[in-house]
Amino acid sequence: MRCFNRNTIKFQKSKFIGSGRSATANDLIESVESVERVVVVDLRRFPLLRFIPLDSKSLLKLIRLGKLTPSGISPGRFDTWLADSFSITVQQVDLAPLAVEE
């Protein structure tokens, strides 16, 4: 799972993300190939959350096109790629019925 707000979205393993850490293009490819699917959580409109399940094959294609690098992809470019590449369905879930009454 990857979360983002206004910052870039990175898809390599967490051991390659953070202060003093770096990743190569091969590290990014290995990270994406090691999973079947990634769920991206968009926090930009918190408390409204958007969950975006992505097949790793789609991310590998984005890497091959040079649009996803170890430095990540901006939220705007990510949104454009989603809109251009997929038919998006938005569902709103009301969690109020799940609340436990005391």
PDB file of N, CA and C in Angstrom:
ATOM      1  N   MET A   1       0.845  -1.162   0.000  1.00  0.00           N
ATOM      2  CA  MET A   1       0.000   0.000   0.000  1.00  0.00           C
ATOM      3  C   MET A   1       0.896   1.232   0.000  1.00  0.00           C
ATOM      4  N   ARG A   2       0.501   2.238  -0.745  1.00  0.00           N
ATOM      5  CA  ARG A   2       1.194   3.515  -0.812  1.00  0.00           C
ATOM      6  C   ARG A   2       0.185   4.620  -0.550  1.00  0.00           C
ATOM      7  N   CYS A   3       0.560   5.580   0.259  1.00  0.00           N
ATOM      8  CA  CYS A   3      -0.293   6.726   0.571  1.00  0.00           C
ATOM      9  C   CYS A   3       0.368   7.992   0.051  1.00  0.00           C
ATOM     10  N   PHE A   4      -0.452   8.953  -0.331  1.00  0.00           N
ATOM     11  CA  PHE A   4       0.105  10.234  -0.748  1.00  0.00           C
ATOM     12  C   PHE A   4      -0.884  11.346  -0.464  1.00  0.00           C
ATOM     13  N   ASN A   5      -0.349  12.552  -0.369  1.00  0.00           N
ATOM     14  CA  ASN A   5      -1.186  13.745  -0.269  1.00  0.00           C
ATOM     15  C   ASN A   5      -0.735  14.691  -1.375  1.00  0.00           C
ATOM     16  N   ARG A   6       0.007  15.719  -1.064  1.00  0.00           N
ATOM     17  CA  ARG A   6       0.445  16.660  -2.092  1.00  0.00           C
ATOM     18  C   ARG A   6       1.838  16.342  -2.611  1.00  0.00           C
ATOM     19  N   ASN A   7       2.477  15.308  -2.085  1.00  0.00           N
ATOM     20  CA  ASN A   7       3.838  14.955  -2.471  1.00  0.00           C
ATOM     21  C   ASN A   7       3.845  13.896  -3.557  1.00  0.00           C
ATOM     22  N   THR A   8       5.024  13.622  -4.064  1.00  0.00           N
ATOM     23  CA  THR A   8       5.144  12.585  -5.084  1.00  0.00           C
ATOM     24  C   THR A   8       4.790  11.210  -4.503  1.00  0.00           C
ATOM     25  N   ILE A   9       4.403  10.324  -5.383  1.00  0.00           N
ATOM     26  CA  ILE A   9       4.053   8.967  -5.005  1.00  0.00           C
ATOM     27  C   ILE A   9       5.216   8.075  -5.439  1.00  0.00           C
ATOM     28  N   LYS A  10       5.751   7.298  -4.513  1.00  0.00           N
ATOM     29  CA  LYS A  10       6.844   6.390  -4.819  1.00  0.00           C
ATOM     30  C   LYS A  10       6.364   4.960  -4.648  1.00  0.00           C
ATOM     31  N   PHE A  11       6.890   4.063  -5.491  1.00  0.00           N
ATOM     32  CA  PHE A  11       6.419   2.687  -5.481  1.00  0.00           C
ATOM     33  C   PHE A  11       7.496   1.671  -5.120  1.00  0.00           C
ATOM     34  N   GLN A  12       8.707   2.122  -4.814  1.00  0.00           N
ATOM     35  CA  GLN A  12       9.719   1.166  -4.402  1.00  0.00           C
ATOM     36  C   GLN A  12       9.501   0.764  -2.953  1.00  0.00           C
ATOM     37  N   LYS A  13      10.155  -0.310  -2.544  1.00  0.00           N
ATOM     38  CA  LYS A  13      10.033  -0.798  -1.177  1.00  0.00           C
ATOM     39  C   LYS A  13      10.477   0.287  -0.205  1.00  0.00           C
ATOM     40  N   SER A  14       9.932   0.250   1.003  1.00  0.00           N
ATOM     41  CA  SER A  14      10.207   1.293   1.989  1.00  0.00           C
ATOM     42  C   SER A  14      11.683   1.380   2.359  1.00  0.00           C
ATOM     43  N   LYS A  15      12.435   0.300   2.211  1.00  0.00           N
ATOM     44  CA  LYS A  15      13.865   0.370   2.535  1.00  0.00           C
ATOM     45  C   LYS A  15      14.619   1.300   1.581  1.00  0.00           C
ATOM     46  N   PHE A  16      13.991   1.688   0.475  1.00  0.00           N
ATOM     47  CA  PHE A  16      14.604   2.608  -0.484  1.00  0.00           C
ATOM     48  C   PHE A  16      14.072   4.035  -0.364  1.00  0.00           C
ATOM     49  N   ILE A  17      13.168   4.282   0.594  1.00  0.00           N
ATOM     50  CA  ILE A  17      12.533   5.594   0.724  1.00  0.00           C
ATOM     51  C   ILE A  17      12.910   6.203   2.065  1.00  0.00           C
ATOM     52  N   GLY A  18      13.307   7.461   2.063  1.00  0.00           N
ATOM     53  CA  GLY A  18      13.600   8.156   3.318  1.00  0.00           C
ATOM     54  C   GLY A  18      14.942   8.848   3.278  1.00  0.00           C
ATOM     55  N   SER A  19      15.210   9.580   4.300  1.00  0.00           N
ATOM     56  CA  SER A  19      16.443  10.349   4.411  1.00  0.00           C
ATOM     57  C   SER A  19      17.663   9.429   4.356  1.00  0.00           C
ATOM     58  N   GLY A  20      18.599   9.757   3.483  1.00  0.00           N
ATOM     59  CA  GLY A  20      19.815   8.981   3.344  1.00  0.00           C
ATOM     60  C   GLY A  20      19.670   7.714   2.536  1.00  0.00           C
ATOM     61  N   ARG A  21      18.485   7.450   2.012  1.00  0.00           N
ATOM     62  CA  ARG A  21      18.248   6.242   1.217  1.00  0.00           C
ATOM     63  C   ARG A  21      18.049   6.633  -0.231  1.00  0.00           C
ATOM     64  N   SER A  22      18.354   5.728  -1.110  1.00  0.00           N
ATOM     65  CA  SER A  22      18.138   5.984  -2.532  1.00  0.00           C
ATOM     66  C   SER A  22      17.774   4.679  -3.215  1.00  0.00           C
ATOM     67  N   ALA A  23      17.271   4.804  -4.429  1.00  0.00           N
ATOM     68  CA  ALA A  23      16.885   3.630  -5.205  1.00  0.00           C
ATOM     69  C   ALA A  23      17.288   3.841  -6.656  1.00  0.00           C
ATOM     70  N   THR A  24      17.639   2.760  -7.296  1.00  0.00           N
ATOM     71  CA  THR A  24      17.932   2.790  -8.721  1.00  0.00           C
ATOM     72  C   THR A  24      16.669   2.395  -9.483  1.00  0.00           C
ATOM     73  N   ALA A  25      16.734   2.514 -10.786  1.00  0.00           N
ATOM     74  CA  ALA A  25      15.607   2.066 -11.616  1.00  0.00           C
ATOM     75  C   ALA A  25      15.383   0.565 -11.426  1.00  0.00           C
ATOM     76  N   ASN A  26      16.460  -0.196 -11.275  1.00  0.00           N
ATOM     77  CA  ASN A  26      16.325  -1.643 -11.049  1.00  0.00           C
ATOM     78  C   ASN A  26      15.675  -1.941  -9.702  1.00  0.00           C
ATOM     79  N   ASP A  27      15.980  -1.127  -8.669  1.00  0.00           N
ATOM     80  CA  ASP A  27      15.334  -1.299  -7.371  1.00  0.00           C
ATOM     81  C   ASP A  27      13.832  -1.065  -7.485  1.00  0.00           C
ATOM     82  N   LEU A  28      13.448  -0.054  -8.255  1.00  0.00           N
ATOM     83  CA  LEU A  28      12.024   0.250  -8.464  1.00  0.00           C
ATOM     84  C   LEU A  28      11.344  -0.909  -9.184  1.00  0.00           C
ATOM     85  N   ILE A  29      11.962  -1.393 -10.251  1.00  0.00           N
ATOM     86  CA  ILE A  29      11.378  -2.509 -11.006  1.00  0.00           C
ATOM     87  C   ILE A  29      11.252  -3.744 -10.121  1.00  0.00           C
ATOM     88  N   GLU A  30      12.295  -4.059  -9.365  1.00  0.00           N
ATOM     89  CA  GLU A  30      12.252  -5.214  -8.457  1.00  0.00           C
ATOM     90  C   GLU A  30      11.143  -5.053  -7.420  1.00  0.00           C
ATOM     91  N   SER A  31      10.985  -3.844  -6.894  1.00  0.00           N
ATOM     92  CA  SER A  31       9.949  -3.586  -5.889  1.00  0.00           C
ATOM     93  C   SER A  31       8.556  -3.813  -6.456  1.00  0.00           C
ATOM     94  N   VAL A  32       8.325  -3.339  -7.665  1.00  0.00           N
ATOM     95  CA  VAL A  32       7.002  -3.476  -8.286  1.00  0.00           C
ATOM     96  C   VAL A  32       6.769  -4.928  -8.707  1.00  0.00           C
ATOM     97  N   GLU A  33       7.799  -5.579  -9.221  1.00  0.00           N
ATOM     98  CA  GLU A  33       7.653  -6.981  -9.638  1.00  0.00           C
ATOM     99  C   GLU A  33       7.397  -7.923  -8.463  1.00  0.00           C
ATOM    100  N   SER A  34       7.761  -7.512  -7.256  1.00  0.00           N
ATOM    101  CA  SER A  34       7.620  -8.397  -6.096  1.00  0.00           C
ATOM    102  C   SER A  34       6.188  -8.479  -5.566  1.00  0.00           C
ATOM    103  N   VAL A  35       5.281  -7.692  -6.126  1.00  0.00           N
ATOM    104  CA  VAL A  35       3.876  -7.719  -5.707  1.00  0.00           C
ATOM    105  C   VAL A  35       2.982  -7.866  -6.934  1.00  0.00           C
ATOM    106  N   GLU A  36       1.787  -8.381  -6.711  1.00  0.00           N
ATOM    107  CA  GLU A  36       0.822  -8.489  -7.807  1.00  0.00           C
ATOM    108  C   GLU A  36       0.016  -7.216  -7.962  1.00  0.00           C
ATOM    109  N   ARG A  37      -0.228  -6.546  -6.832  1.00  0.00           N
ATOM    110  CA  ARG A  37      -1.108  -5.373  -6.843  1.00  0.00           C
ATOM    111  C   ARG A  37      -0.645  -4.399  -5.771  1.00  0.00           C
ATOM    112  N   VAL A  38      -0.839  -3.126  -6.049  1.00  0.00           N
ATOM    113  CA  VAL A  38      -0.550  -2.061  -5.090  1.00  0.00           C
ATOM    114  C   VAL A  38      -1.839  -1.284  -4.883  1.00  0.00           C
ATOM    115  N   VAL A  39      -2.148  -0.970  -3.638  1.00  0.00           N
ATOM    116  CA  VAL A  39      -3.301  -0.123  -3.346  1.00  0.00           C
ATOM    117  C   VAL A  39      -2.761   1.253  -2.967  1.00  0.00           C
ATOM    118  N   VAL A  40      -3.133   2.246  -3.745  1.00  0.00           N
ATOM    119  CA  VAL A  40      -2.733   3.625  -3.483  1.00  0.00           C
ATOM    120  C   VAL A  40      -3.866   4.290  -2.723  1.00  0.00           C
ATOM    121  N   VAL A  41      -3.534   4.972  -1.633  1.00  0.00           N
ATOM    122  CA  VAL A  41      -4.529   5.679  -0.842  1.00  0.00           C
ATOM    123  C   VAL A  41      -4.281   7.172  -1.012  1.00  0.00           C
ATOM    124  N   ASP A  42      -5.249   7.845  -1.593  1.00  0.00           N
ATOM    125  CA  ASP A  42      -5.177   9.286  -1.838  1.00  0.00           C
ATOM    126  C   ASP A  42      -5.734  10.015  -0.621  1.00  0.00           C
ATOM    127  N   LEU A  43      -4.863  10.748   0.068  1.00  0.00           N
ATOM    128  CA  LEU A  43      -5.237  11.464   1.291  1.00  0.00           C
ATOM    129  C   LEU A  43      -5.488  12.951   1.052  1.00  0.00           C
ATOM    130  N   ARG A  44      -5.493  13.389  -0.188  1.00  0.00           N
ATOM    131  CA  ARG A  44      -5.570  14.827  -0.467  1.00  0.00           C
ATOM    132  C   ARG A  44      -6.855  15.480   0.009  1.00  0.00           C
ATOM    133  N   ARG A  45      -7.930  14.740   0.125  1.00  0.00           N
ATOM    134  CA  ARG A  45      -9.207  15.316   0.566  1.00  0.00           C
ATOM    135  C   ARG A  45      -9.634  14.727   1.908  1.00  0.00           C
ATOM    136  N   PHE A  46      -8.651  14.392   2.739  1.00  0.00           N
ATOM    137  CA  PHE A  46      -8.932  13.806   4.049  1.00  0.00           C
ATOM    138  C   PHE A  46      -9.961  14.643   4.793  1.00  0.00           C
ATOM    139  N   PRO A  47     -10.969  14.057   5.406  1.00  0.00           N
ATOM    140  CA  PRO A  47     -11.134  12.647   5.761  1.00  0.00           C
ATOM    141  C   PRO A  47     -11.716  11.772   4.649  1.00  0.00           C
ATOM    142  N   LEU A  48     -12.002  12.348   3.472  1.00  0.00           N
ATOM    143  CA  LEU A  48     -12.439  11.537   2.343  1.00  0.00           C
ATOM    144  C   LEU A  48     -11.205  10.841   1.772  1.00  0.00           C
ATOM    145  N   LEU A  49     -11.257   9.528   1.692  1.00  0.00           N
ATOM    146  CA  LEU A  49     -10.130   8.750   1.194  1.00  0.00           C
ATOM    147  C   LEU A  49     -10.511   8.081  -0.113  1.00  0.00           C
ATOM    148  N   ARG A  50      -9.539   8.014  -1.011  1.00  0.00           N
ATOM    149  CA  ARG A  50      -9.755   7.330  -2.288  1.00  0.00           C
ATOM    150  C   ARG A  50      -8.763   6.173  -2.358  1.00  0.00           C
ATOM    151  N   PHE A  51      -9.263   4.954  -2.535  1.00  0.00           N
ATOM    152  CA  PHE A  51      -8.430   3.762  -2.640  1.00  0.00           C
ATOM    153  C   PHE A  51      -8.359   3.359  -4.108  1.00  0.00           C
ATOM    154  N   ILE A  52      -7.138   3.209  -4.613  1.00  0.00           N
ATOM    155  CA  ILE A  52      -6.930   2.916  -6.025  1.00  0.00           C
ATOM    156  C   ILE A  52      -6.106   1.633  -6.143  1.00  0.00           C
ATOM    157  N   PRO A  53      -6.751   0.496  -6.439  1.00  0.00           N
ATOM    158  CA  PRO A  53      -5.995  -0.745  -6.622  1.00  0.00           C
ATOM    159  C   PRO A  53      -5.371  -0.775  -8.024  1.00  0.00           C
ATOM    160  N   LEU A  54      -4.075  -1.049  -8.077  1.00  0.00           N
ATOM    161  CA  LEU A  54      -3.363  -1.077  -9.356  1.00  0.00           C
ATOM    162  C   LEU A  54      -2.629  -2.399  -9.521  1.00  0.00           C
ATOM    163  N   ASP A  55      -2.760  -2.997 -10.673  1.00  0.00           N
ATOM    164  CA  ASP A  55      -2.012  -4.191 -11.009  1.00  0.00           C
ATOM    165  C   ASP A  55      -0.560  -3.786 -11.255  1.00  0.00           C
ATOM    166  N   SER A  56       0.375  -4.572 -10.778  1.00  0.00           N
ATOM    167  CA  SER A  56       1.791  -4.227 -10.937  1.00  0.00           C
ATOM    168  C   SER A  56       2.198  -4.135 -12.409  1.00  0.00           C
ATOM    169  N   LYS A  57       1.529  -4.861 -13.287  1.00  0.00           N
ATOM    170  CA  LYS A  57       1.849  -4.794 -14.720  1.00  0.00           C
ATOM    171  C   LYS A  57       1.622  -3.386 -15.273  1.00  0.00           C
ATOM    172  N   SER A  58       0.594  -2.713 -14.788  1.00  0.00           N
ATOM    173  CA  SER A  58       0.332  -1.339 -15.224  1.00  0.00           C
ATOM    174  C   SER A  58       1.445  -0.404 -14.769  1.00  0.00           C
ATOM    175  N   LEU A  59       1.941  -0.622 -13.555  1.00  0.00           N
ATOM    176  CA  LEU A  59       3.037   0.209 -13.045  1.00  0.00           C
ATOM    177  C   LEU A  59       4.335  -0.080 -13.799  1.00  0.00           C
ATOM    178  N   LEU A  60       4.575  -1.340 -14.139  1.00  0.00           N
ATOM    179  CA  LEU A  60       5.774  -1.675 -14.906  1.00  0.00           C
ATOM    180  C   LEU A  60       5.746  -1.019 -16.282  1.00  0.00           C
ATOM    181  N   LYS A  61       4.589  -0.951 -16.887  1.00  0.00           N
ATOM    182  CA  LYS A  61       4.456  -0.262 -18.172  1.00  0.00           C
ATOM    183  C   LYS A  61       4.770   1.224 -18.007  1.00  0.00           C
ATOM    184  N   LEU A  62       4.299   1.819 -16.938  1.00  0.00           N
ATOM    185  CA  LEU A  62       4.567   3.232 -16.652  1.00  0.00           C
ATOM    186  C   LEU A  62       6.070   3.463 -16.468  1.00  0.00           C
ATOM    187  N   ILE A  63       6.749   2.524 -15.835  1.00  0.00           N
ATOM    188  CA  ILE A  63       8.211   2.610 -15.673  1.00  0.00           C
ATOM    189  C   ILE A  63       8.891   2.529 -17.041  1.00  0.00           C
ATOM    190  N   ARG A  64       8.477   1.564 -17.865  1.00  0.00           N
ATOM    191  CA  ARG A  64       9.085   1.403 -19.196  1.00  0.00           C
ATOM    192  C   ARG A  64       8.893   2.649 -20.051  1.00  0.00           C
ATOM    193  N   LEU A  65       7.779   3.352 -19.867  1.00  0.00           N
ATOM    194  CA  LEU A  65       7.519   4.586 -20.620  1.00  0.00           C
ATOM    195  C   LEU A  65       8.291   5.778 -20.065  1.00  0.00           C
ATOM    196  N   GLY A  66       8.971   5.589 -18.938  1.00  0.00           N
ATOM    197  CA  GLY A  66       9.742   6.667 -18.334  1.00  0.00           C
ATOM    198  C   GLY A  66       8.900   7.653 -17.544  1.00  0.00           C
ATOM    199  N   LYS A  67       7.651   7.303 -17.271  1.00  0.00           N
ATOM    200  CA  LYS A  67       6.754   8.209 -16.537  1.00  0.00           C
ATOM    201  C   LYS A  67       6.757   7.949 -15.038  1.00  0.00           C
ATOM    202  N   LEU A  68       7.306   6.820 -14.622  1.00  0.00           N
ATOM    203  CA  LEU A  68       7.473   6.511 -13.204  1.00  0.00           C
ATOM    204  C   LEU A  68       8.941   6.182 -12.985  1.00  0.00           C
ATOM    205  N   THR A  69       9.595   6.961 -12.137  1.00  0.00           N
ATOM    206  CA  THR A  69      11.021   6.805 -11.859  1.00  0.00           C
ATOM    207  C   THR A  69      11.215   6.579 -10.363  1.00  0.00           C
ATOM    208  N   PRO A  70      12.434   6.275  -9.936  1.00  0.00           N
ATOM    209  CA  PRO A  70      12.675   6.121  -8.500  1.00  0.00           C
ATOM    210  C   PRO A  70      12.337   7.379  -7.690  1.00  0.00           C
ATOM    211  N   SER A  71      12.347   8.535  -8.320  1.00  0.00           N
ATOM    212  CA  SER A  71      11.975   9.761  -7.594  1.00  0.00           C
ATOM    213  C   SER A  71      10.464   9.932  -7.504  1.00  0.00           C
ATOM    214  N   GLY A  72       9.709   9.024  -8.132  1.00  0.00           N
ATOM    215  CA  GLY A  72       8.248   9.023  -7.992  1.00  0.00           C
ATOM    216  C   GLY A  72       7.534   9.693  -9.148  1.00  0.00           C
ATOM    217  N   ILE A  73       6.256   9.936  -8.926  1.00  0.00           N
ATOM    218  CA  ILE A  73       5.398  10.608  -9.906  1.00  0.00           C
ATOM    219  C   ILE A  73       4.544  11.607  -9.130  1.00  0.00           C
ATOM    220  N   SER A  74       4.329  12.758  -9.715  1.00  0.00           N
ATOM    221  CA  SER A  74       3.542  13.779  -9.027  1.00  0.00           C
ATOM    222  C   SER A  74       2.075  13.370  -8.991  1.00  0.00           C
ATOM    223  N   PRO A  75       1.327  13.854  -7.999  1.00  0.00           N
ATOM    224  CA  PRO A  75      -0.106  13.533  -7.944  1.00  0.00           C
ATOM    225  C   PRO A  75      -0.856  13.957  -9.210  1.00  0.00           C
ATOM    226  N   GLY A  76      -0.500  15.089  -9.781  1.00  0.00           N
ATOM    227  CA  GLY A  76      -1.163  15.549 -11.008  1.00  0.00           C
ATOM    228  C   GLY A  76      -0.918  14.615 -12.172  1.00  0.00           C
ATOM    229  N   ARG A  77       0.328  14.206 -12.356  1.00  0.00           N
ATOM    230  CA  ARG A  77       0.648  13.269 -13.441  1.00  0.00           C
ATOM    231  C   ARG A  77       0.016  11.904 -13.183  1.00  0.00           C
ATOM    232  N   PHE A  78      -0.032  11.497 -11.919  1.00  0.00           N
ATOM    233  CA  PHE A  78      -0.675  10.248 -11.548  1.00  0.00           C
ATOM    234  C   PHE A  78      -2.159  10.293 -11.909  1.00  0.00           C
ATOM    235  N   ASP A  79      -2.832  11.397 -11.561  1.00  0.00           N
ATOM    236  CA  ASP A  79      -4.252  11.561 -11.894  1.00  0.00           C
ATOM    237  C   ASP A  79      -4.479  11.522 -13.401  1.00  0.00           C
ATOM    238  N   THR A  80      -3.624  12.195 -14.153  1.00  0.00           N
ATOM    239  CA  THR A  80      -3.744  12.208 -15.615  1.00  0.00           C
ATOM    240  C   THR A  80      -3.566  10.809 -16.178  1.00  0.00           C
ATOM    241  N   TRP A  81      -2.559  10.086 -15.679  1.00  0.00           N
ATOM    242  CA  TRP A  81      -2.333   8.712 -16.128  1.00  0.00           C
ATOM    243  C   TRP A  81      -3.532   7.825 -15.825  1.00  0.00           C
ATOM    244  N   LEU A  82      -4.097   7.954 -14.615  1.00  0.00           N
ATOM    245  CA  LEU A  82      -5.281   7.170 -14.261  1.00  0.00           C
ATOM    246  C   LEU A  82      -6.432   7.449 -15.220  1.00  0.00           C
ATOM    247  N   ALA A  83      -6.703   8.733 -15.444  1.00  0.00           N
ATOM    248  CA  ALA A  83      -7.827   9.122 -16.303  1.00  0.00           C
ATOM    249  C   ALA A  83      -7.623   8.644 -17.742  1.00  0.00           C
ATOM    250  N   ASP A  84      -6.384   8.691 -18.228  1.00  0.00           N
ATOM    251  CA  ASP A  84      -6.091   8.287 -19.605  1.00  0.00           C
ATOM    252  C   ASP A  84      -6.037   6.767 -19.784  1.00  0.00           C
ATOM    253  N   SER A  85      -5.739   6.047 -18.713  1.00  0.00           N
ATOM    254  CA  SER A  85      -5.476   4.616 -18.831  1.00  0.00           C
ATOM    255  C   SER A  85      -6.599   3.698 -18.369  1.00  0.00           C
ATOM    256  N   PHE A  86      -7.493   4.230 -17.539  1.00  0.00           N
ATOM    257  CA  PHE A  86      -8.494   3.366 -16.923  1.00  0.00           C
ATOM    258  C   PHE A  86      -9.878   3.992 -16.968  1.00  0.00           C
ATOM    259  N   SER A  87     -10.878   3.130 -16.899  1.00  0.00           N
ATOM    260  CA  SER A  87     -12.249   3.569 -16.689  1.00  0.00           C
ATOM    261  C   SER A  87     -12.457   3.568 -15.175  1.00  0.00           C
ATOM    262  N   ILE A  88     -12.661   4.737 -14.601  1.00  0.00           N
ATOM    263  CA  ILE A  88     -12.686   4.873 -13.147  1.00  0.00           C
ATOM    264  C   ILE A  88     -14.120   4.910 -12.636  1.00  0.00           C
ATOM    265  N   THR A  89     -14.368   4.103 -11.603  1.00  0.00           N
ATOM    266  CA  THR A  89     -15.661   4.081 -10.932  1.00  0.00           C
ATOM    267  C   THR A  89     -15.459   4.528  -9.500  1.00  0.00           C
ATOM    268  N   VAL A  90     -16.252   5.494  -9.072  1.00  0.00           N
ATOM    269  CA  VAL A  90     -16.141   5.999  -7.710  1.00  0.00           C
ATOM    270  C   VAL A  90     -17.329   5.487  -6.916  1.00  0.00           C
ATOM    271  N   GLN A  91     -17.042   4.902  -5.759  1.00  0.00           N
ATOM    272  CA  GLN A  91     -18.085   4.434  -4.862  1.00  0.00           C
ATOM    273  C   GLN A  91     -17.863   5.072  -3.506  1.00  0.00           C
ATOM    274  N   GLN A  92     -18.933   5.551  -2.937  1.00  0.00           N
ATOM    275  CA  GLN A  92     -18.842   6.124  -1.601  1.00  0.00           C
ATOM    276  C   GLN A  92     -19.402   5.120  -0.609  1.00  0.00           C
ATOM    277  N   VAL A  93     -18.652   4.895   0.444  1.00  0.00           N
ATOM    278  CA  VAL A  93     -19.059   3.942   1.464  1.00  0.00           C
ATOM    279  C   VAL A  93     -19.357   4.707   2.739  1.00  0.00           C
ATOM    280  N   ASP A  94     -20.532   4.468   3.286  1.00  0.00           N
ATOM    281  CA  ASP A  94     -20.924   5.099   4.542  1.00  0.00           C
ATOM    282  C   ASP A  94     -20.588   4.136   5.679  1.00  0.00           C
ATOM    283  N   LEU A  95     -19.651   4.542   6.520  1.00  0.00           N
ATOM    284  CA  LEU A  95     -19.210   3.672   7.599  1.00  0.00           C
ATOM    285  C   LEU A  95     -20.069   3.818   8.859  1.00  0.00           C
ATOM    286  N   ALA A  96     -21.004   4.742   8.865  1.00  0.00           N
ATOM    287  CA  ALA A  96     -21.843   4.970  10.059  1.00  0.00           C
ATOM    288  C   ALA A  96     -22.566   3.704  10.513  1.00  0.00           C
ATOM    289  N   PRO A  97     -23.117   2.875   9.609  1.00  0.00           N
ATOM    290  CA  PRO A  97     -23.795   1.656  10.073  1.00  0.00           C
ATOM    291  C   PRO A  97     -22.856   0.679  10.772  1.00  0.00           C
ATOM    292  N   LEU A  98     -21.559   0.822  10.567  1.00  0.00           N
ATOM    293  CA  LEU A  98     -20.594  -0.076  11.172  1.00  0.00           C
ATOM    294  C   LEU A  98     -20.206   0.359  12.591  1.00  0.00           C
ATOM    295  N   ALA A  99     -20.625   1.569  12.962  1.00  0.00           N
ATOM    296  CA  ALA A  99     -20.283   2.068  14.295  1.00  0.00           C
ATOM    297  C   ALA A  99     -20.961   1.213  15.368  1.00  0.00           C
ATOM    298  N   VAL A 100     -20.278   0.981  16.443  1.00  0.00           N
ATOM    299  CA  VAL A 100     -20.788   0.156  17.524  1.00  0.00           C
ATOM    300  C   VAL A 100     -21.439   1.074  18.571  1.00  0.00           C
ATOM    301  N   GLU A 101     -22.670   0.780  18.881  1.00  0.00           N
ATOM    302  CA  GLU A 101     -23.357   1.561  19.922  1.00  0.00           C
ATOM    303  C   GLU A 101     -23.115   0.911  21.276  1.00  0.00           C
ATOM    304  N   GLU A 102     -22.938   1.757  22.296  1.00  0.00           N
ATOM    305  CA  GLU A 102     -22.725   1.233  23.649  1.00  0.00           C
ATOM    306  C   GLU A 102     -23.995   1.245  24.442  1.00  0.00           C
TER     307      GLU A 102
END
